[in-house]
């Protein structure tokens, strides 16, 4: 059996659970929650037997978004840690039953902060060489987003840098530019075509990869996979995520093939990168 690689996989948006604190307030059904999550991402990135640690969440991202700063609160933040409306504008909460600050505090204490504390603990105790924050994305930019109405790449890799992974002025990259550049080239071998793989577009990295790189200095890459690679047409809040399980399995195998090769050819050869040279 191949050795387990010193990677941490974070899958923060795959859950569809509704916490007890919010159960009577939520307007959305399980079908809609499954659509608004990263559907089947636990199976897509479920490499538990191949890496040192896999972190997954049971709570729906619509209820508690683990990839947002804890101070991005409603109603000021539309797409913050707790949301009042979905990405398509549907109300999350029943009329007049939006959570107040006390309920939001309980949600964060019970579901948000424990996830981040567990990541910090695993980064230390498991001697992780690189961490990956793994997501799926809808094929076309959603209303109100910078890429609204535009087709998205099949794979988006993020390190908080520019379009080739180099640092932006005044901003820390979460992994060396060479690491993300080589990873992009390896993904392009599996997903050829113009603009099939992009770096830091449409997403440059979220709170998890940025915050935990700051905490521990261990490199992070955020990975976004286009749902068109495994999801059938007709997926919607009304019908849920219509997943082709054969395509999902094949895609998962391709992703692991890329990550395993990348680790051995790039990360393993530079286990303690010089932070001053790329951050």
C-alpha atoms as a PDB file:
ATOM      1  CA  UNK A   1       0.000   0.000   0.000  1.00  0.00           C
ATOM      2  CA  UNK A   2       1.453   3.434  -0.947  1.00  0.00           C
ATOM      3  CA  UNK A   3       2.581   5.610   1.966  1.00  0.00           C
ATOM      4  CA  UNK A   4       0.150   8.192   3.291  1.00  0.00           C
ATOM      5  CA  UNK A   5       1.164  11.678   2.113  1.00  0.00           C
ATOM      6  CA  UNK A   6       1.615  14.521   4.642  1.00  0.00           C
ATOM      7  CA  UNK A   7      -1.275  16.549   3.241  1.00  0.00           C
ATOM      8  CA  UNK A   8      -4.321  18.027   4.929  1.00  0.00           C
ATOM      9  CA  UNK A   9      -7.542  18.165   2.884  1.00  0.00           C
ATOM     10  CA  UNK A  10     -10.192  20.673   4.019  1.00  0.00           C
ATOM     11  CA  UNK A  11     -13.719  20.277   2.562  1.00  0.00           C
ATOM     12  CA  UNK A  12     -15.704  23.044   4.284  1.00  0.00           C
ATOM     13  CA  UNK A  13     -18.752  23.380   2.022  1.00  0.00           C
ATOM     14  CA  UNK A  14     -19.935  19.809   1.470  1.00  0.00           C
ATOM     15  CA  UNK A  15     -22.354  19.576   4.398  1.00  0.00           C
ATOM     16  CA  UNK A  16     -26.123  19.947   4.211  1.00  0.00           C
ATOM     17  CA  UNK A  17     -26.894  19.690   7.934  1.00  0.00           C
ATOM     18  CA  UNK A  18     -29.067  22.151   9.827  1.00  0.00           C
ATOM     19  CA  UNK A  19     -27.961  22.723  13.439  1.00  0.00           C
ATOM     20  CA  UNK A  20     -30.525  22.436  16.217  1.00  0.00           C
ATOM     21  CA  UNK A  21     -30.050  26.140  16.961  1.00  0.00           C
ATOM     22  CA  UNK A  22     -31.468  26.990  13.525  1.00  0.00           C
ATOM     23  CA  UNK A  23     -33.750  24.100  12.613  1.00  0.00           C
ATOM     24  CA  UNK A  24     -37.107  25.826  13.199  1.00  0.00           C
ATOM     25  CA  UNK A  25     -35.977  29.003  11.463  1.00  0.00           C
ATOM     26  CA  UNK A  26     -34.702  27.690   8.106  1.00  0.00           C
ATOM     27  CA  UNK A  27     -36.871  28.251   5.029  1.00  0.00           C
ATOM     28  CA  UNK A  28     -34.854  26.010   2.697  1.00  0.00           C
ATOM     29  CA  UNK A  29     -35.428  22.277   2.301  1.00  0.00           C
ATOM     30  CA  UNK A  30     -32.739  19.614   2.049  1.00  0.00           C
ATOM     31  CA  UNK A  31     -32.967  19.562  -1.766  1.00  0.00           C
ATOM     32  CA  UNK A  32     -32.155  23.261  -2.010  1.00  0.00           C
ATOM     33  CA  UNK A  33     -29.452  23.006   0.650  1.00  0.00           C
ATOM     34  CA  UNK A  34     -27.767  20.222  -1.319  1.00  0.00           C
ATOM     35  CA  UNK A  35     -27.719  22.417  -4.421  1.00  0.00           C
ATOM     36  CA  UNK A  36     -26.292  25.401  -2.560  1.00  0.00           C
ATOM     37  CA  UNK A  37     -23.557  23.285  -0.977  1.00  0.00           C
ATOM     38  CA  UNK A  38     -20.525  21.860  -2.778  1.00  0.00           C
ATOM     39  CA  UNK A  39     -22.447  18.707  -3.696  1.00  0.00           C
ATOM     40  CA  UNK A  40     -20.595  15.422  -3.304  1.00  0.00           C
ATOM     41  CA  UNK A  41     -17.327  17.218  -2.583  1.00  0.00           C
ATOM     42  CA  UNK A  42     -16.748  14.784   0.277  1.00  0.00           C
ATOM     43  CA  UNK A  43     -16.558  11.982  -2.274  1.00  0.00           C
ATOM     44  CA  UNK A  44     -14.709  14.044  -4.851  1.00  0.00           C
ATOM     45  CA  UNK A  45     -11.884  14.930  -2.449  1.00  0.00           C
ATOM     46  CA  UNK A  46     -12.317  12.070   0.027  1.00  0.00           C
ATOM     47  CA  UNK A  47      -8.725  10.861   0.122  1.00  0.00           C
ATOM     48  CA  UNK A  48      -8.830   9.713   3.762  1.00  0.00           C
ATOM     49  CA  UNK A  49      -6.680   6.628   3.191  1.00  0.00           C
ATOM     50  CA  UNK A  50      -4.116   8.525   1.117  1.00  0.00           C
ATOM     51  CA  UNK A  51      -3.368  11.655   3.171  1.00  0.00           C
ATOM     52  CA  UNK A  52      -2.649  12.361   6.835  1.00  0.00           C
ATOM     53  CA  UNK A  53      -5.835  14.320   7.523  1.00  0.00           C
ATOM     54  CA  UNK A  54      -9.197  15.124   5.920  1.00  0.00           C
ATOM     55  CA  UNK A  55     -11.478  17.739   7.462  1.00  0.00           C
ATOM     56  CA  UNK A  56     -15.103  17.816   6.381  1.00  0.00           C
ATOM     57  CA  UNK A  57     -18.102  19.753   7.665  1.00  0.00           C
ATOM     58  CA  UNK A  58     -21.625  18.493   8.283  1.00  0.00           C
ATOM     59  CA  UNK A  59     -23.249  21.940   8.604  1.00  0.00           C
ATOM     60  CA  UNK A  60     -24.568  23.591   5.438  1.00  0.00           C
ATOM     61  CA  UNK A  61     -22.512  26.515   4.179  1.00  0.00           C
ATOM     62  CA  UNK A  62     -25.729  28.528   3.905  1.00  0.00           C
ATOM     63  CA  UNK A  63     -26.190  28.272   7.670  1.00  0.00           C
ATOM     64  CA  UNK A  64     -22.529  28.637   8.724  1.00  0.00           C
ATOM     65  CA  UNK A  65     -19.923  29.393   6.058  1.00  0.00           C
ATOM     66  CA  UNK A  66     -16.594  28.132   7.377  1.00  0.00           C
ATOM     67  CA  UNK A  67     -14.680  29.885   4.590  1.00  0.00           C
ATOM     68  CA  UNK A  68     -15.653  33.417   5.638  1.00  0.00           C
ATOM     69  CA  UNK A  69     -14.184  35.628   8.381  1.00  0.00           C
ATOM     70  CA  UNK A  70     -16.165  35.324  11.624  1.00  0.00           C
ATOM     71  CA  UNK A  71     -16.769  39.076  11.696  1.00  0.00           C
ATOM     72  CA  UNK A  72     -18.465  39.164   8.265  1.00  0.00           C
ATOM     73  CA  UNK A  73     -21.974  39.212   9.731  1.00  0.00           C
ATOM     74  CA  UNK A  74     -25.449  39.890   8.350  1.00  0.00           C
ATOM     75  CA  UNK A  75     -27.184  42.036   7.364  1.00  0.00           C
ATOM     76  CA  UNK A  76     -24.146  44.125   6.390  1.00  0.00           C
ATOM     77  CA  UNK A  77     -22.401  41.194   4.687  1.00  0.00           C
ATOM     78  CA  UNK A  78     -24.613  39.481   2.127  1.00  0.00           C
ATOM     79  CA  UNK A  79     -22.194  36.590   1.590  1.00  0.00           C
ATOM     80  CA  UNK A  80     -20.722  36.388   5.071  1.00  0.00           C
ATOM     81  CA  UNK A  81     -20.336  33.714   7.715  1.00  0.00           C
ATOM     82  CA  UNK A  82     -24.130  33.483   8.189  1.00  0.00           C
ATOM     83  CA  UNK A  83     -26.297  34.297   5.188  1.00  0.00           C
ATOM     84  CA  UNK A  84     -29.779  35.783   4.963  1.00  0.00           C
ATOM     85  CA  UNK A  85     -30.140  34.998   1.232  1.00  0.00           C
ATOM     86  CA  UNK A  86     -28.647  32.350  -1.026  1.00  0.00           C
ATOM     87  CA  UNK A  87     -26.413  33.063  -4.014  1.00  0.00           C
ATOM     88  CA  UNK A  88     -29.548  33.094  -6.213  1.00  0.00           C
ATOM     89  CA  UNK A  89     -31.477  35.377  -3.876  1.00  0.00           C
ATOM     90  CA  UNK A  90     -33.709  32.855  -2.090  1.00  0.00           C
ATOM     91  CA  UNK A  91     -34.399  33.642   1.574  1.00  0.00           C
ATOM     92  CA  UNK A  92     -32.512  31.332   3.929  1.00  0.00           C
ATOM     93  CA  UNK A  93     -34.765  32.023   6.923  1.00  0.00           C
ATOM     94  CA  UNK A  94     -38.505  32.049   7.436  1.00  0.00           C
ATOM     95  CA  UNK A  95     -40.095  35.480   7.467  1.00  0.00           C
ATOM     96  CA  UNK A  96     -39.379  37.234  10.749  1.00  0.00           C
ATOM     97  CA  UNK A  97     -37.161  34.397  12.013  1.00  0.00           C
ATOM     98  CA  UNK A  98     -33.706  35.546  10.926  1.00  0.00           C
ATOM     99  CA  UNK A  99     -31.167  34.692  13.636  1.00  0.00           C
ATOM    100  CA  UNK A 100     -30.257  37.465  16.038  1.00  0.00           C
ATOM    101  CA  UNK A 101     -26.745  38.038  17.365  1.00  0.00           C
ATOM    102  CA  UNK A 102     -27.232  35.528  20.219  1.00  0.00           C
ATOM    103  CA  UNK A 103     -28.197  32.734  17.799  1.00  0.00           C
ATOM    104  CA  UNK A 104     -25.359  33.664  15.442  1.00  0.00           C
ATOM    105  CA  UNK A 105     -22.935  33.526  18.383  1.00  0.00           C
ATOM    106  CA  UNK A 106     -24.106  30.006  19.286  1.00  0.00           C
ATOM    107  CA  UNK A 107     -23.802  28.863  15.674  1.00  0.00           C
ATOM    108  CA  UNK A 108     -20.233  30.118  15.481  1.00  0.00           C
ATOM    109  CA  UNK A 109     -19.236  28.708  18.872  1.00  0.00           C
ATOM    110  CA  UNK A 110     -20.665  25.261  18.100  1.00  0.00           C
ATOM    111  CA  UNK A 111     -19.778  24.876  14.418  1.00  0.00           C
ATOM    112  CA  UNK A 112     -17.371  27.533  13.119  1.00  0.00           C
ATOM    113  CA  UNK A 113     -14.612  27.898  15.683  1.00  0.00           C
ATOM    114  CA  UNK A 114     -14.256  24.125  16.358  1.00  0.00           C
ATOM    115  CA  UNK A 115     -13.576  23.506  12.642  1.00  0.00           C
ATOM    116  CA  UNK A 116     -10.783  26.067  12.568  1.00  0.00           C
ATOM    117  CA  UNK A 117      -9.337  24.881  15.889  1.00  0.00           C
ATOM    118  CA  UNK A 118      -9.207  21.327  14.543  1.00  0.00           C
ATOM    119  CA  UNK A 119      -7.344  22.492  11.434  1.00  0.00           C
ATOM    120  CA  UNK A 120      -4.743  24.267  13.565  1.00  0.00           C
ATOM    121  CA  UNK A 121      -4.315  21.174  15.726  1.00  0.00           C
ATOM    122  CA  UNK A 122      -3.900  18.871  12.727  1.00  0.00           C
ATOM    123  CA  UNK A 123      -1.386  21.173  11.051  1.00  0.00           C
ATOM    124  CA  UNK A 124       0.815  20.822  14.134  1.00  0.00           C
ATOM    125  CA  UNK A 125       0.236  17.242  15.256  1.00  0.00           C
ATOM    126  CA  UNK A 126       0.317  15.530  11.846  1.00  0.00           C
ATOM    127  CA  UNK A 127       3.418  17.321  10.489  1.00  0.00           C
ATOM    128  CA  UNK A 128       1.588  18.500   7.377  1.00  0.00           C
ATOM    129  CA  UNK A 129       3.737  19.600   4.409  1.00  0.00           C
ATOM    130  CA  UNK A 130       0.931  21.198   2.394  1.00  0.00           C
ATOM    131  CA  UNK A 131      -2.788  21.807   2.900  1.00  0.00           C
ATOM    132  CA  UNK A 132      -5.562  21.986   0.304  1.00  0.00           C
ATOM    133  CA  UNK A 133      -8.907  23.725   0.714  1.00  0.00           C
ATOM    134  CA  UNK A 134     -11.240  21.956  -1.711  1.00  0.00           C
ATOM    135  CA  UNK A 135     -14.449  23.241  -3.310  1.00  0.00           C
ATOM    136  CA  UNK A 136     -16.758  22.999  -6.298  1.00  0.00           C
ATOM    137  CA  UNK A 137     -18.134  25.910  -8.324  1.00  0.00           C
ATOM    138  CA  UNK A 138     -21.113  26.391 -10.613  1.00  0.00           C
ATOM    139  CA  UNK A 139     -20.209  26.639 -14.321  1.00  0.00           C
ATOM    140  CA  UNK A 140     -21.163  30.318 -14.798  1.00  0.00           C
ATOM    141  CA  UNK A 141     -20.554  33.310 -12.543  1.00  0.00           C
ATOM    142  CA  UNK A 142     -23.506  34.069 -10.305  1.00  0.00           C
ATOM    143  CA  UNK A 143     -25.411  37.375 -10.000  1.00  0.00           C
ATOM    144  CA  UNK A 144     -23.480  39.970  -8.051  1.00  0.00           C
ATOM    145  CA  UNK A 145     -20.130  38.224  -8.436  1.00  0.00           C
ATOM    146  CA  UNK A 146     -17.210  39.762 -10.391  1.00  0.00           C
ATOM    147  CA  UNK A 147     -17.519  37.113 -13.126  1.00  0.00           C
ATOM    148  CA  UNK A 148     -21.318  37.309 -13.351  1.00  0.00           C
ATOM    149  CA  UNK A 149     -22.596  35.563 -16.481  1.00  0.00           C
ATOM    150  CA  UNK A 150     -19.145  34.412 -17.601  1.00  0.00           C
ATOM    151  CA  UNK A 151     -18.090  30.809 -18.142  1.00  0.00           C
ATOM    152  CA  UNK A 152     -15.717  29.560 -15.493  1.00  0.00           C
ATOM    153  CA  UNK A 153     -12.627  27.374 -15.967  1.00  0.00           C
ATOM    154  CA  UNK A 154     -12.797  23.660 -15.264  1.00  0.00           C
ATOM    155  CA  UNK A 155     -10.222  24.026 -12.499  1.00  0.00           C
ATOM    156  CA  UNK A 156      -9.339  27.142 -10.488  1.00  0.00           C
ATOM    157  CA  UNK A 157      -6.243  27.068  -8.268  1.00  0.00           C
ATOM    158  CA  UNK A 158      -5.646  29.855  -5.768  1.00  0.00           C
ATOM    159  CA  UNK A 159      -2.758  31.078  -3.612  1.00  0.00           C
ATOM    160  CA  UNK A 160      -3.850  34.719  -3.094  1.00  0.00           C
ATOM    161  CA  UNK A 161      -1.509  35.865  -5.851  1.00  0.00           C
ATOM    162  CA  UNK A 162      -1.863  37.058  -9.433  1.00  0.00           C
ATOM    163  CA  UNK A 163      -2.843  35.145 -12.583  1.00  0.00           C
ATOM    164  CA  UNK A 164       0.409  33.148 -12.578  1.00  0.00           C
ATOM    165  CA  UNK A 165       0.655  32.747  -8.813  1.00  0.00           C
ATOM    166  CA  UNK A 166       3.165  35.514  -8.104  1.00  0.00           C
ATOM    167  CA  UNK A 167       2.638  37.780  -5.075  1.00  0.00           C
ATOM    168  CA  UNK A 168       0.482  40.873  -5.456  1.00  0.00           C
ATOM    169  CA  UNK A 169       1.637  44.109  -3.890  1.00  0.00           C
ATOM    170  CA  UNK A 170       1.059  44.088  -0.154  1.00  0.00           C
ATOM    171  CA  UNK A 171      -0.469  40.595  -0.125  1.00  0.00           C
ATOM    172  CA  UNK A 172       0.972  37.273   1.080  1.00  0.00           C
ATOM    173  CA  UNK A 173       0.802  34.255  -1.203  1.00  0.00           C
ATOM    174  CA  UNK A 174      -0.219  31.052   0.549  1.00  0.00           C
ATOM    175  CA  UNK A 175       2.167  28.837  -1.423  1.00  0.00           C
ATOM    176  CA  UNK A 176       5.236  29.335  -3.634  1.00  0.00           C
ATOM    177  CA  UNK A 177       4.414  30.552  -7.172  1.00  0.00           C
ATOM    178  CA  UNK A 178       6.291  27.601  -8.673  1.00  0.00           C
ATOM    179  CA  UNK A 179       4.180  25.143  -6.742  1.00  0.00           C
ATOM    180  CA  UNK A 180       0.869  26.450  -8.058  1.00  0.00           C
ATOM    181  CA  UNK A 181       2.224  26.988 -11.569  1.00  0.00           C
ATOM    182  CA  UNK A 182       3.385  23.371 -11.840  1.00  0.00           C
ATOM    183  CA  UNK A 183       0.121  22.126 -10.340  1.00  0.00           C
ATOM    184  CA  UNK A 184      -1.804  24.073 -12.983  1.00  0.00           C
ATOM    185  CA  UNK A 185       0.292  22.533 -15.769  1.00  0.00           C
ATOM    186  CA  UNK A 186      -0.329  19.048 -14.396  1.00  0.00           C
ATOM    187  CA  UNK A 187      -4.082  19.666 -14.295  1.00  0.00           C
ATOM    188  CA  UNK A 188      -3.961  20.954 -17.889  1.00  0.00           C
ATOM    189  CA  UNK A 189      -2.624  17.566 -18.976  1.00  0.00           C
ATOM    190  CA  UNK A 190      -5.888  16.021 -17.740  1.00  0.00           C
ATOM    191  CA  UNK A 191      -8.120  18.940 -18.745  1.00  0.00           C
ATOM    192  CA  UNK A 192      -6.709  20.348 -21.998  1.00  0.00           C
ATOM    193  CA  UNK A 193      -8.124  23.360 -23.757  1.00  0.00           C
ATOM    194  CA  UNK A 194      -7.870  27.105 -23.688  1.00  0.00           C
ATOM    195  CA  UNK A 195      -8.607  28.532 -20.231  1.00  0.00           C
ATOM    196  CA  UNK A 196      -9.462  25.086 -18.832  1.00  0.00           C
ATOM    197  CA  UNK A 197      -7.255  25.688 -15.789  1.00  0.00           C
ATOM    198  CA  UNK A 198      -6.877  29.128 -14.212  1.00  0.00           C
ATOM    199  CA  UNK A 199      -4.823  30.522 -11.347  1.00  0.00           C
ATOM    200  CA  UNK A 200      -6.494  32.946  -8.915  1.00  0.00           C
ATOM    201  CA  UNK A 201      -9.494  33.481 -11.197  1.00  0.00           C
ATOM    202  CA  UNK A 202     -12.368  33.684 -10.540  1.00  0.00           C
ATOM    203  CA  UNK A 203     -11.287  32.977  -6.946  1.00  0.00           C
ATOM    204  CA  UNK A 204      -8.001  34.072  -5.403  1.00  0.00           C
ATOM    205  CA  UNK A 205      -8.389  32.090  -2.182  1.00  0.00           C
ATOM    206  CA  UNK A 206     -10.693  32.154   0.809  1.00  0.00           C
ATOM    207  CA  UNK A 207     -10.511  32.714   4.533  1.00  0.00           C
ATOM    208  CA  UNK A 208      -9.408  29.165   5.401  1.00  0.00           C
ATOM    209  CA  UNK A 209      -6.266  29.066   3.274  1.00  0.00           C
ATOM    210  CA  UNK A 210      -5.310  32.653   4.072  1.00  0.00           C
ATOM    211  CA  UNK A 211      -5.972  32.524   7.821  1.00  0.00           C
ATOM    212  CA  UNK A 212      -4.272  29.193   8.432  1.00  0.00           C
ATOM    213  CA  UNK A 213      -1.263  30.085   6.337  1.00  0.00           C
ATOM    214  CA  UNK A 214      -0.923  33.175   8.544  1.00  0.00           C
ATOM    215  CA  UNK A 215      -1.336  31.038  11.683  1.00  0.00           C
ATOM    216  CA  UNK A 216       1.164  28.294  10.900  1.00  0.00           C
ATOM    217  CA  UNK A 217       3.181  29.235   7.811  1.00  0.00           C
ATOM    218  CA  UNK A 218       2.340  25.895   6.168  1.00  0.00           C
ATOM    219  CA  UNK A 219       1.600  26.301   2.421  1.00  0.00           C
ATOM    220  CA  UNK A 220      -2.026  26.176   1.271  1.00  0.00           C
ATOM    221  CA  UNK A 221      -3.679  25.886  -2.146  1.00  0.00           C
ATOM    222  CA  UNK A 222      -7.397  26.388  -2.725  1.00  0.00           C
ATOM    223  CA  UNK A 223      -8.874  24.109  -5.403  1.00  0.00           C
ATOM    224  CA  UNK A 224     -12.191  24.796  -7.145  1.00  0.00           C
ATOM    225  CA  UNK A 225     -13.626  22.168  -9.525  1.00  0.00           C
ATOM    226  CA  UNK A 226     -16.327  23.065 -12.048  1.00  0.00           C
ATOM    227  CA  UNK A 227     -19.532  21.175 -11.283  1.00  0.00           C
ATOM    228  CA  UNK A 228     -20.148  20.633 -15.008  1.00  0.00           C
ATOM    229  CA  UNK A 229     -17.468  17.932 -14.845  1.00  0.00           C
ATOM    230  CA  UNK A 230     -19.736  15.644 -12.811  1.00  0.00           C
ATOM    231  CA  UNK A 231     -23.170  17.234 -12.553  1.00  0.00           C
ATOM    232  CA  UNK A 232     -26.038  16.754 -15.001  1.00  0.00           C
ATOM    233  CA  UNK A 233     -27.978  19.574 -16.662  1.00  0.00           C
ATOM    234  CA  UNK A 234     -31.136  20.471 -14.809  1.00  0.00           C
ATOM    235  CA  UNK A 235     -29.508  20.816 -11.407  1.00  0.00           C
ATOM    236  CA  UNK A 236     -31.249  23.584  -9.481  1.00  0.00           C
ATOM    237  CA  UNK A 237     -32.507  24.499  -6.008  1.00  0.00           C
ATOM    238  CA  UNK A 238     -35.803  22.806  -6.917  1.00  0.00           C
ATOM    239  CA  UNK A 239     -34.233  19.582  -8.191  1.00  0.00           C
ATOM    240  CA  UNK A 240     -31.009  19.482  -6.200  1.00  0.00           C
ATOM    241  CA  UNK A 241     -27.615  18.453  -7.505  1.00  0.00           C
ATOM    242  CA  UNK A 242     -28.012  15.804 -10.215  1.00  0.00           C
ATOM    243  CA  UNK A 243     -24.707  13.962 -10.056  1.00  0.00           C
ATOM    244  CA  UNK A 244     -23.314  11.393 -12.487  1.00  0.00           C
ATOM    245  CA  UNK A 245     -21.567   9.034 -10.064  1.00  0.00           C
ATOM    246  CA  UNK A 246     -19.371   7.426 -12.749  1.00  0.00           C
ATOM    247  CA  UNK A 247     -18.053  10.796 -13.850  1.00  0.00           C
ATOM    248  CA  UNK A 248     -17.589  11.786 -10.221  1.00  0.00           C
ATOM    249  CA  UNK A 249     -15.502   8.696  -9.490  1.00  0.00           C
ATOM    250  CA  UNK A 250     -13.375   9.166 -12.604  1.00  0.00           C
ATOM    251  CA  UNK A 251     -12.846  12.829 -11.791  1.00  0.00           C
ATOM    252  CA  UNK A 252     -11.802  12.024  -8.235  1.00  0.00           C
ATOM    253  CA  UNK A 253      -9.252   9.517  -9.540  1.00  0.00           C
ATOM    254  CA  UNK A 254      -7.837  12.104 -11.960  1.00  0.00           C
ATOM    255  CA  UNK A 255      -7.566  14.722  -9.217  1.00  0.00           C
ATOM    256  CA  UNK A 256      -5.694  12.313  -6.955  1.00  0.00           C
ATOM    257  CA  UNK A 257      -3.345  11.291  -9.770  1.00  0.00           C
ATOM    258  CA  UNK A 258      -2.424  14.957 -10.247  1.00  0.00           C
ATOM    259  CA  UNK A 259      -2.032  15.693  -6.533  1.00  0.00           C
ATOM    260  CA  UNK A 260       0.095  12.626  -5.845  1.00  0.00           C
ATOM    261  CA  UNK A 261       2.431  13.364  -8.738  1.00  0.00           C
ATOM    262  CA  UNK A 262       2.631  17.044  -7.757  1.00  0.00           C
ATOM    263  CA  UNK A 263       3.512  16.206  -4.179  1.00  0.00           C
ATOM    264  CA  UNK A 264       6.353  13.860  -5.149  1.00  0.00           C
ATOM    265  CA  UNK A 265       7.757  16.065  -7.924  1.00  0.00           C
ATOM    266  CA  UNK A 266       7.376  19.489  -6.290  1.00  0.00           C
ATOM    267  CA  UNK A 267       6.396  19.586  -2.623  1.00  0.00           C
ATOM    268  CA  UNK A 268       8.545  16.686  -1.454  1.00  0.00           C
ATOM    269  CA  UNK A 269      11.626  18.258  -3.014  1.00  0.00           C
ATOM    270  CA  UNK A 270      11.055  21.524  -1.144  1.00  0.00           C
ATOM    271  CA  UNK A 271       9.646  20.508   2.246  1.00  0.00           C
ATOM    272  CA  UNK A 272      10.604  23.763   3.989  1.00  0.00           C
ATOM    273  CA  UNK A 273      10.326  26.514   1.350  1.00  0.00           C
ATOM    274  CA  UNK A 274      12.037  29.849   1.935  1.00  0.00           C
ATOM    275  CA  UNK A 275       9.052  32.040   2.799  1.00  0.00           C
ATOM    276  CA  UNK A 276      10.928  35.260   2.123  1.00  0.00           C
ATOM    277  CA  UNK A 277      11.431  34.266  -1.498  1.00  0.00           C
ATOM    278  CA  UNK A 278       7.729  34.093  -2.389  1.00  0.00           C
ATOM    279  CA  UNK A 279       5.553  35.704   0.298  1.00  0.00           C
END
